[in-house]
């Protein structure tokens, strides 16, 4: 039983570390870019609104607005 718990704990630790790596990489992508451009890039690589908001230090609603505007603009151009 202790061994199963140990594997579960190790799995959680791995996920926590991967999450940290993801956030550091996202911060590097966002460096020296506008919030709109950063949100667009991070959304394109598949990050969810909550994660993007955390990285850019803003709200989910702001990210949703920025990415909705980008989708609307993209549809209008095509």
PDB file of N, CA and C in Angstrom:
ATOM      1  N   UNK A   1       0.823  -1.195   0.000  1.00  0.00           N
ATOM      2  CA  UNK A   1       0.000   0.000   0.000  1.00  0.00           C
ATOM      3  C   UNK A   1       0.867   1.258   0.000  1.00  0.00           C
ATOM      4  N   UNK A   2       1.927   1.228   0.799  1.00  0.00           N
ATOM      5  CA  UNK A   2       2.823   2.384   0.858  1.00  0.00           C
ATOM      6  C   UNK A   2       3.491   2.610  -0.485  1.00  0.00           C
ATOM      7  N   UNK A   3       3.766   1.532  -1.188  1.00  0.00           N
ATOM      8  CA  UNK A   3       4.410   1.649  -2.497  1.00  0.00           C
ATOM      9  C   UNK A   3       3.481   2.323  -3.502  1.00  0.00           C
ATOM     10  N   UNK A   4       2.200   1.978  -3.473  1.00  0.00           N
ATOM     11  CA  UNK A   4       1.228   2.608  -4.375  1.00  0.00           C
ATOM     12  C   UNK A   4       1.114   4.100  -4.083  1.00  0.00           C
ATOM     13  N   UNK A   5       1.087   4.452  -2.832  1.00  0.00           N
ATOM     14  CA  UNK A   5       1.004   5.857  -2.450  1.00  0.00           C
ATOM     15  C   UNK A   5       2.278   6.584  -2.903  1.00  0.00           C
ATOM     16  N   UNK A   6       3.406   5.922  -2.787  1.00  0.00           N
ATOM     17  CA  UNK A   6       4.676   6.498  -3.197  1.00  0.00           C
ATOM     18  C   UNK A   6       4.677   6.795  -4.697  1.00  0.00           C
ATOM     19  N   UNK A   7       4.139   5.883  -5.506  1.00  0.00           N
ATOM     20  CA  UNK A   7       4.056   6.103  -6.948  1.00  0.00           C
ATOM     21  C   UNK A   7       3.110   7.260  -7.264  1.00  0.00           C
ATOM     22  N   UNK A   8       2.015   7.339  -6.537  1.00  0.00           N
ATOM     23  CA  UNK A   8       1.064   8.437  -6.739  1.00  0.00           C
ATOM     24  C   UNK A   8       1.714   9.769  -6.378  1.00  0.00           C
ATOM     25  N   UNK A   9       2.460   9.786  -5.274  1.00  0.00           N
ATOM     26  CA  UNK A   9       3.158  11.006  -4.865  1.00  0.00           C
ATOM     27  C   UNK A   9       4.208  11.405  -5.904  1.00  0.00           C
ATOM     28  N   UNK A  10       4.924  10.419  -6.415  1.00  0.00           N
ATOM     29  CA  UNK A  10       5.939  10.690  -7.435  1.00  0.00           C
ATOM     30  C   UNK A  10       5.275  11.239  -8.694  1.00  0.00           C
ATOM     31  N   UNK A  11       4.129  10.695  -9.060  1.00  0.00           N
ATOM     32  CA  UNK A  11       3.394  11.195 -10.225  1.00  0.00           C
ATOM     33  C   UNK A  11       2.948  12.635 -10.036  1.00  0.00           C
ATOM     34  N   UNK A  12       2.477  12.955  -8.854  1.00  0.00           N
ATOM     35  CA  UNK A  12       2.065  14.330  -8.550  1.00  0.00           C
ATOM     36  C   UNK A  12       3.256  15.280  -8.614  1.00  0.00           C
ATOM     37  N   UNK A  13       4.384  14.834  -8.090  1.00  0.00           N
ATOM     38  CA  UNK A  13       5.580  15.672  -8.110  1.00  0.00           C
ATOM     39  C   UNK A  13       6.029  15.938  -9.554  1.00  0.00           C
ATOM     40  N   UNK A  14       5.972  14.923 -10.382  1.00  0.00           N
ATOM     41  CA  UNK A  14       6.329  15.089 -11.795  1.00  0.00           C
ATOM     42  C   UNK A  14       5.393  16.077 -12.465  1.00  0.00           C
ATOM     43  N   UNK A  15       4.096  15.951 -12.222  1.00  0.00           N
ATOM     44  CA  UNK A  15       3.128  16.884 -12.810  1.00  0.00           C
ATOM     45  C   UNK A  15       3.368  18.309 -12.334  1.00  0.00           C
ATOM     46  N   UNK A  16       3.686  18.483 -11.055  1.00  0.00           N
ATOM     47  CA  UNK A  16       3.976  19.815 -10.519  1.00  0.00           C
ATOM     48  C   UNK A  16       5.199  20.422 -11.196  1.00  0.00           C
ATOM     49  N   UNK A  17       6.220  19.618 -11.392  1.00  0.00           N
ATOM     50  CA  UNK A  17       7.433  20.118 -12.040  1.00  0.00           C
ATOM     51  C   UNK A  17       7.176  20.460 -13.505  1.00  0.00           C
ATOM     52  N   UNK A  18       6.416  19.634 -14.190  1.00  0.00           N
ATOM     53  CA  UNK A  18       6.074  19.928 -15.583  1.00  0.00           C
ATOM     54  C   UNK A  18       5.263  21.216 -15.686  1.00  0.00           C
ATOM     55  N   UNK A  19       4.361  21.427 -14.737  1.00  0.00           N
ATOM     56  CA  UNK A  19       3.574  22.661 -14.717  1.00  0.00           C
ATOM     57  C   UNK A  19       4.485  23.871 -14.530  1.00  0.00           C
ATOM     58  N   UNK A  20       5.468  23.740 -13.661  1.00  0.00           N
ATOM     59  CA  UNK A  20       6.430  24.828 -13.445  1.00  0.00           C
ATOM     60  C   UNK A  20       7.224  25.105 -14.712  1.00  0.00           C
ATOM     61  N   UNK A  21       7.681  24.072 -15.376  1.00  0.00           N
ATOM     62  CA  UNK A  21       8.429  24.232 -16.625  1.00  0.00           C
ATOM     63  C   UNK A  21       7.558  24.912 -17.676  1.00  0.00           C
ATOM     64  N   UNK A  22       6.313  24.502 -17.770  1.00  0.00           N
ATOM     65  CA  UNK A  22       5.378  25.110 -18.720  1.00  0.00           C
ATOM     66  C   UNK A  22       5.230  26.602 -18.464  1.00  0.00           C
ATOM     67  N   UNK A  23       5.100  26.985 -17.214  1.00  0.00           N
ATOM     68  CA  UNK A  23       4.936  28.401 -16.871  1.00  0.00           C
ATOM     69  C   UNK A  23       6.196  29.213 -17.172  1.00  0.00           C
ATOM     70  N   UNK A  24       7.358  28.640 -16.905  1.00  0.00           N
ATOM     71  CA  UNK A  24       8.609  29.340 -17.198  1.00  0.00           C
ATOM     72  C   UNK A  24       8.747  29.550 -18.708  1.00  0.00           C
ATOM     73  N   UNK A  25       8.473  28.523 -19.492  1.00  0.00           N
ATOM     74  CA  UNK A  25       8.549  28.652 -20.947  1.00  0.00           C
ATOM     75  C   UNK A  25       7.536  29.672 -21.462  1.00  0.00           C
ATOM     76  N   UNK A  26       6.346  29.663 -20.896  1.00  0.00           N
ATOM     77  CA  UNK A  26       5.321  30.622 -21.313  1.00  0.00           C
ATOM     78  C   UNK A  26       5.758  32.050 -20.989  1.00  0.00           C
ATOM     79  N   UNK A  27       6.399  32.247 -19.855  1.00  0.00           N
ATOM     80  CA  UNK A  27       6.910  33.578 -19.508  1.00  0.00           C
ATOM     81  C   UNK A  27       7.968  34.034 -20.508  1.00  0.00           C
ATOM     82  N   UNK A  28       8.799  33.123 -20.949  1.00  0.00           N
ATOM     83  CA  UNK A  28       9.824  33.466 -21.932  1.00  0.00           C
ATOM     84  C   UNK A  28       9.193  33.865 -23.262  1.00  0.00           C
ATOM     85  N   UNK A  29       8.153  33.160 -23.661  1.00  0.00           N
ATOM     86  CA  UNK A  29       7.452  33.492 -24.903  1.00  0.00           C
ATOM     87  C   UNK A  29       6.824  34.875 -24.799  1.00  0.00           C
ATOM     88  N   UNK A  30       6.281  35.204 -23.647  1.00  0.00           N
ATOM     89  CA  UNK A  30       5.561  36.461 -23.462  1.00  0.00           C
ATOM     90  C   UNK A  30       6.481  37.661 -23.248  1.00  0.00           C
ATOM     91  N   UNK A  31       7.735  37.424 -22.970  1.00  0.00           N
ATOM     92  CA  UNK A  31       8.656  38.527 -22.672  1.00  0.00           C
ATOM     93  C   UNK A  31       8.753  39.490 -23.850  1.00  0.00           C
ATOM     94  N   UNK A  32       8.707  40.770 -23.547  1.00  0.00           N
ATOM     95  CA  UNK A  32       8.866  41.842 -24.539  1.00  0.00           C
ATOM     96  C   UNK A  32       7.814  41.820 -25.647  1.00  0.00           C
ATOM     97  N   UNK A  33       6.633  41.294 -25.352  1.00  0.00           N
ATOM     98  CA  UNK A  33       5.532  41.307 -26.323  1.00  0.00           C
ATOM     99  C   UNK A  33       4.323  41.957 -25.667  1.00  0.00           C
ATOM    100  N   UNK A  34       3.416  42.436 -26.486  1.00  0.00           N
ATOM    101  CA  UNK A  34       2.177  42.990 -25.945  1.00  0.00           C
ATOM    102  C   UNK A  34       1.344  41.853 -25.358  1.00  0.00           C
ATOM    103  N   UNK A  35       0.387  42.222 -24.527  1.00  0.00           N
ATOM    104  CA  UNK A  35      -0.484  41.213 -23.932  1.00  0.00           C
ATOM    105  C   UNK A  35      -1.275  40.483 -25.016  1.00  0.00           C
ATOM    106  N   UNK A  36      -1.731  41.219 -26.019  1.00  0.00           N
ATOM    107  CA  UNK A  36      -2.507  40.598 -27.105  1.00  0.00           C
ATOM    108  C   UNK A  36      -1.664  39.586 -27.858  1.00  0.00           C
ATOM    109  N   UNK A  37      -0.458  39.968 -28.225  1.00  0.00           N
ATOM    110  CA  UNK A  37       0.413  39.059 -28.963  1.00  0.00           C
ATOM    111  C   UNK A  37       0.789  37.847 -28.115  1.00  0.00           C
ATOM    112  N   UNK A  38       1.091  38.079 -26.848  1.00  0.00           N
ATOM    113  CA  UNK A  38       1.427  36.983 -25.943  1.00  0.00           C
ATOM    114  C   UNK A  38       0.263  36.020 -25.792  1.00  0.00           C
ATOM    115  N   UNK A  39      -0.938  36.560 -25.588  1.00  0.00           N
ATOM    116  CA  UNK A  39      -2.126  35.710 -25.441  1.00  0.00           C
ATOM    117  C   UNK A  39      -2.351  34.899 -26.708  1.00  0.00           C
ATOM    118  N   UNK A  40      -2.178  35.518 -27.862  1.00  0.00           N
ATOM    119  CA  UNK A  40      -2.375  34.826 -29.139  1.00  0.00           C
ATOM    120  C   UNK A  40      -1.389  33.669 -29.281  1.00  0.00           C
ATOM    121  N   UNK A  41      -0.127  33.926 -29.000  1.00  0.00           N
ATOM    122  CA  UNK A  41       0.897  32.887 -29.135  1.00  0.00           C
ATOM    123  C   UNK A  41       0.638  31.743 -28.159  1.00  0.00           C
ATOM    124  N   UNK A  42       0.360  32.080 -26.909  1.00  0.00           N
ATOM    125  CA  UNK A  42       0.141  31.044 -25.904  1.00  0.00           C
ATOM    126  C   UNK A  42      -1.119  30.241 -26.196  1.00  0.00           C
ATOM    127  N   UNK A  43      -2.135  30.887 -26.748  1.00  0.00           N
ATOM    128  CA  UNK A  43      -3.359  30.179 -27.126  1.00  0.00           C
ATOM    129  C   UNK A  43      -3.071  29.235 -28.304  1.00  0.00           C
ATOM    130  N   UNK A  44      -2.261  29.696 -29.245  1.00  0.00           N
ATOM    131  CA  UNK A  44      -1.929  28.876 -30.416  1.00  0.00           C
ATOM    132  C   UNK A  44      -1.177  27.600 -30.035  1.00  0.00           C
ATOM    133  N   UNK A  45      -0.390  27.646 -28.958  1.00  0.00           N
ATOM    134  CA  UNK A  45       0.338  26.447 -28.545  1.00  0.00           C
ATOM    135  C   UNK A  45      -0.501  25.557 -27.640  1.00  0.00           C
ATOM    136  N   UNK A  46      -1.752  25.970 -27.383  1.00  0.00           N
ATOM    137  CA  UNK A  46      -2.673  25.081 -26.690  1.00  0.00           C
ATOM    138  C   UNK A  46      -2.884  25.326 -25.211  1.00  0.00           C
ATOM    139  N   UNK A  47      -2.379  26.436 -24.683  1.00  0.00           N
ATOM    140  CA  UNK A  47      -2.618  26.701 -23.271  1.00  0.00           C
ATOM    141  C   UNK A  47      -4.055  27.168 -23.052  1.00  0.00           C
ATOM    142  N   UNK A  48      -4.608  26.808 -21.919  1.00  0.00           N
ATOM    143  CA  UNK A  48      -5.970  27.228 -21.586  1.00  0.00           C
ATOM    144  C   UNK A  48      -5.963  28.664 -21.059  1.00  0.00           C
ATOM    145  N   UNK A  49      -7.122  29.291 -21.052  1.00  0.00           N
ATOM    146  CA  UNK A  49      -7.251  30.692 -20.643  1.00  0.00           C
ATOM    147  C   UNK A  49      -6.738  30.942 -19.229  1.00  0.00           C
ATOM    148  N   UNK A  50      -7.003  30.027 -18.305  1.00  0.00           N
ATOM    149  CA  UNK A  50      -6.576  30.203 -16.914  1.00  0.00           C
ATOM    150  C   UNK A  50      -5.052  30.265 -16.825  1.00  0.00           C
ATOM    151  N   UNK A  51      -4.377  29.360 -17.513  1.00  0.00           N
ATOM    152  CA  UNK A  51      -2.918  29.332 -17.490  1.00  0.00           C
ATOM    153  C   UNK A  51      -2.339  30.593 -18.125  1.00  0.00           C
ATOM    154  N   UNK A  52      -2.910  30.999 -19.260  1.00  0.00           N
ATOM    155  CA  UNK A  52      -2.452  32.221 -19.926  1.00  0.00           C
ATOM    156  C   UNK A  52      -2.659  33.418 -19.003  1.00  0.00           C
ATOM    157  N   UNK A  53      -3.802  33.488 -18.361  1.00  0.00           N
ATOM    158  CA  UNK A  53      -4.091  34.593 -17.435  1.00  0.00           C
ATOM    159  C   UNK A  53      -3.093  34.613 -16.287  1.00  0.00           C
ATOM    160  N   UNK A  54      -2.760  33.457 -15.752  1.00  0.00           N
ATOM    161  CA  UNK A  54      -1.775  33.387 -14.662  1.00  0.00           C
ATOM    162  C   UNK A  54      -0.412  33.887 -15.128  1.00  0.00           C
ATOM    163  N   UNK A  55       0.004  33.462 -16.299  1.00  0.00           N
ATOM    164  CA  UNK A  55       1.310  33.851 -16.828  1.00  0.00           C
ATOM    165  C   UNK A  55       1.368  35.350 -17.081  1.00  0.00           C
ATOM    166  N   UNK A  56       0.287  35.900 -17.639  1.00  0.00           N
ATOM    167  CA  UNK A  56       0.264  37.315 -18.008  1.00  0.00           C
ATOM    168  C   UNK A  56      -0.252  38.209 -16.882  1.00  0.00           C
ATOM    169  N   UNK A  57      -0.547  37.606 -15.740  1.00  0.00           N
ATOM    170  CA  UNK A  57      -1.012  38.339 -14.561  1.00  0.00           C
ATOM    171  C   UNK A  57      -2.258  39.178 -14.863  1.00  0.00           C
ATOM    172  N   UNK A  58      -3.254  38.505 -15.405  1.00  0.00           N
ATOM    173  CA  UNK A  58      -4.523  39.159 -15.722  1.00  0.00           C
ATOM    174  C   UNK A  58      -5.653  38.174 -15.457  1.00  0.00           C
ATOM    175  N   UNK A  59      -6.849  38.518 -15.872  1.00  0.00           N
ATOM    176  CA  UNK A  59      -8.008  37.661 -15.597  1.00  0.00           C
ATOM    177  C   UNK A  59      -8.325  36.749 -16.782  1.00  0.00           C
ATOM    178  N   UNK A  60      -9.060  35.685 -16.475  1.00  0.00           N
ATOM    179  CA  UNK A  60      -9.557  34.798 -17.525  1.00  0.00           C
ATOM    180  C   UNK A  60     -10.402  35.577 -18.524  1.00  0.00           C
ATOM    181  N   UNK A  61     -11.198  36.499 -18.000  1.00  0.00           N
ATOM    182  CA  UNK A  61     -12.096  37.279 -18.856  1.00  0.00           C
ATOM    183  C   UNK A  61     -11.311  38.102 -19.876  1.00  0.00           C
ATOM    184  N   UNK A  62     -10.202  38.684 -19.453  1.00  0.00           N
ATOM    185  CA  UNK A  62      -9.370  39.465 -20.372  1.00  0.00           C
ATOM    186  C   UNK A  62      -8.801  38.574 -21.468  1.00  0.00           C
ATOM    187  N   UNK A  63      -8.325  37.415 -21.107  1.00  0.00           N
ATOM    188  CA  UNK A  63      -7.765  36.487 -22.097  1.00  0.00           C
ATOM    189  C   UNK A  63      -8.856  36.019 -23.047  1.00  0.00           C
ATOM    190  N   UNK A  64     -10.019  35.729 -22.508  1.00  0.00           N
ATOM    191  CA  UNK A  64     -11.146  35.309 -23.342  1.00  0.00           C
ATOM    192  C   UNK A  64     -11.489  36.410 -24.343  1.00  0.00           C
ATOM    193  N   UNK A  65     -11.502  37.655 -23.890  1.00  0.00           N
ATOM    194  CA  UNK A  65     -11.794  38.788 -24.773  1.00  0.00           C
ATOM    195  C   UNK A  65     -10.725  38.913 -25.853  1.00  0.00           C
ATOM    196  N   UNK A  66      -9.460  38.844 -25.463  1.00  0.00           N
ATOM    197  CA  UNK A  66      -8.373  38.978 -26.430  1.00  0.00           C
ATOM    198  C   UNK A  66      -8.401  37.869 -27.471  1.00  0.00           C
ATOM    199  N   UNK A  67      -8.616  36.642 -27.032  1.00  0.00           N
ATOM    200  CA  UNK A  67      -8.589  35.535 -27.991  1.00  0.00           C
ATOM    201  C   UNK A  67      -9.864  35.491 -28.824  1.00  0.00           C
ATOM    202  N   UNK A  68     -10.989  35.936 -28.283  1.00  0.00           N
ATOM    203  CA  UNK A  68     -12.221  36.026 -29.071  1.00  0.00           C
ATOM    204  C   UNK A  68     -12.056  37.067 -30.165  1.00  0.00           C
ATOM    205  N   UNK A  69     -11.495  38.218 -29.809  1.00  0.00           N
ATOM    206  CA  UNK A  69     -11.255  39.257 -30.804  1.00  0.00           C
ATOM    207  C   UNK A  69     -10.334  38.751 -31.909  1.00  0.00           C
ATOM    208  N   UNK A  70      -9.345  37.970 -31.559  1.00  0.00           N
ATOM    209  CA  UNK A  70      -8.428  37.436 -32.563  1.00  0.00           C
ATOM    210  C   UNK A  70      -9.148  36.474 -33.491  1.00  0.00           C
ATOM    211  N   UNK A  71     -10.012  35.628 -32.931  1.00  0.00           N
ATOM    212  CA  UNK A  71     -10.764  34.693 -33.778  1.00  0.00           C
ATOM    213  C   UNK A  71     -11.709  35.459 -34.692  1.00  0.00           C
ATOM    214  N   UNK A  72     -12.360  36.483 -34.171  1.00  0.00           N
ATOM    215  CA  UNK A  72     -13.287  37.282 -34.970  1.00  0.00           C
ATOM    216  C   UNK A  72     -12.549  37.984 -36.097  1.00  0.00           C
ATOM    217  N   UNK A  73     -11.408  38.571 -35.786  1.00  0.00           N
ATOM    218  CA  UNK A  73     -10.596  39.255 -36.799  1.00  0.00           C
ATOM    219  C   UNK A  73     -10.128  38.279 -37.864  1.00  0.00           C
ATOM    220  N   UNK A  74      -9.701  37.074 -37.435  1.00  0.00           N
ATOM    221  CA  UNK A  74      -9.215  36.065 -38.357  1.00  0.00           C
ATOM    222  C   UNK A  74     -10.326  35.626 -39.310  1.00  0.00           C
ATOM    223  N   UNK A  75     -11.563  35.444 -38.799  1.00  0.00           N
ATOM    224  CA  UNK A  75     -12.690  35.050 -39.640  1.00  0.00           C
ATOM    225  C   UNK A  75     -13.011  36.141 -40.646  1.00  0.00           C
ATOM    226  N   UNK A  76     -12.924  37.389 -40.226  1.00  0.00           N
ATOM    227  CA  UNK A  76     -13.242  38.507 -41.106  1.00  0.00           C
ATOM    228  C   UNK A  76     -12.261  38.641 -42.252  1.00  0.00           C
ATOM    229  N   UNK A  77     -10.999  38.244 -42.030  1.00  0.00           N
ATOM    230  CA  UNK A  77      -9.983  38.349 -43.073  1.00  0.00           C
ATOM    231  C   UNK A  77     -10.100  37.237 -44.101  1.00  0.00           C
ATOM    232  N   UNK A  78     -10.567  36.057 -43.667  1.00  0.00           N
ATOM    233  CA  UNK A  78     -10.574  34.881 -44.552  1.00  0.00           C
ATOM    234  C   UNK A  78     -11.797  34.851 -45.305  1.00  0.00           C
TER     235      UNK A  78
END
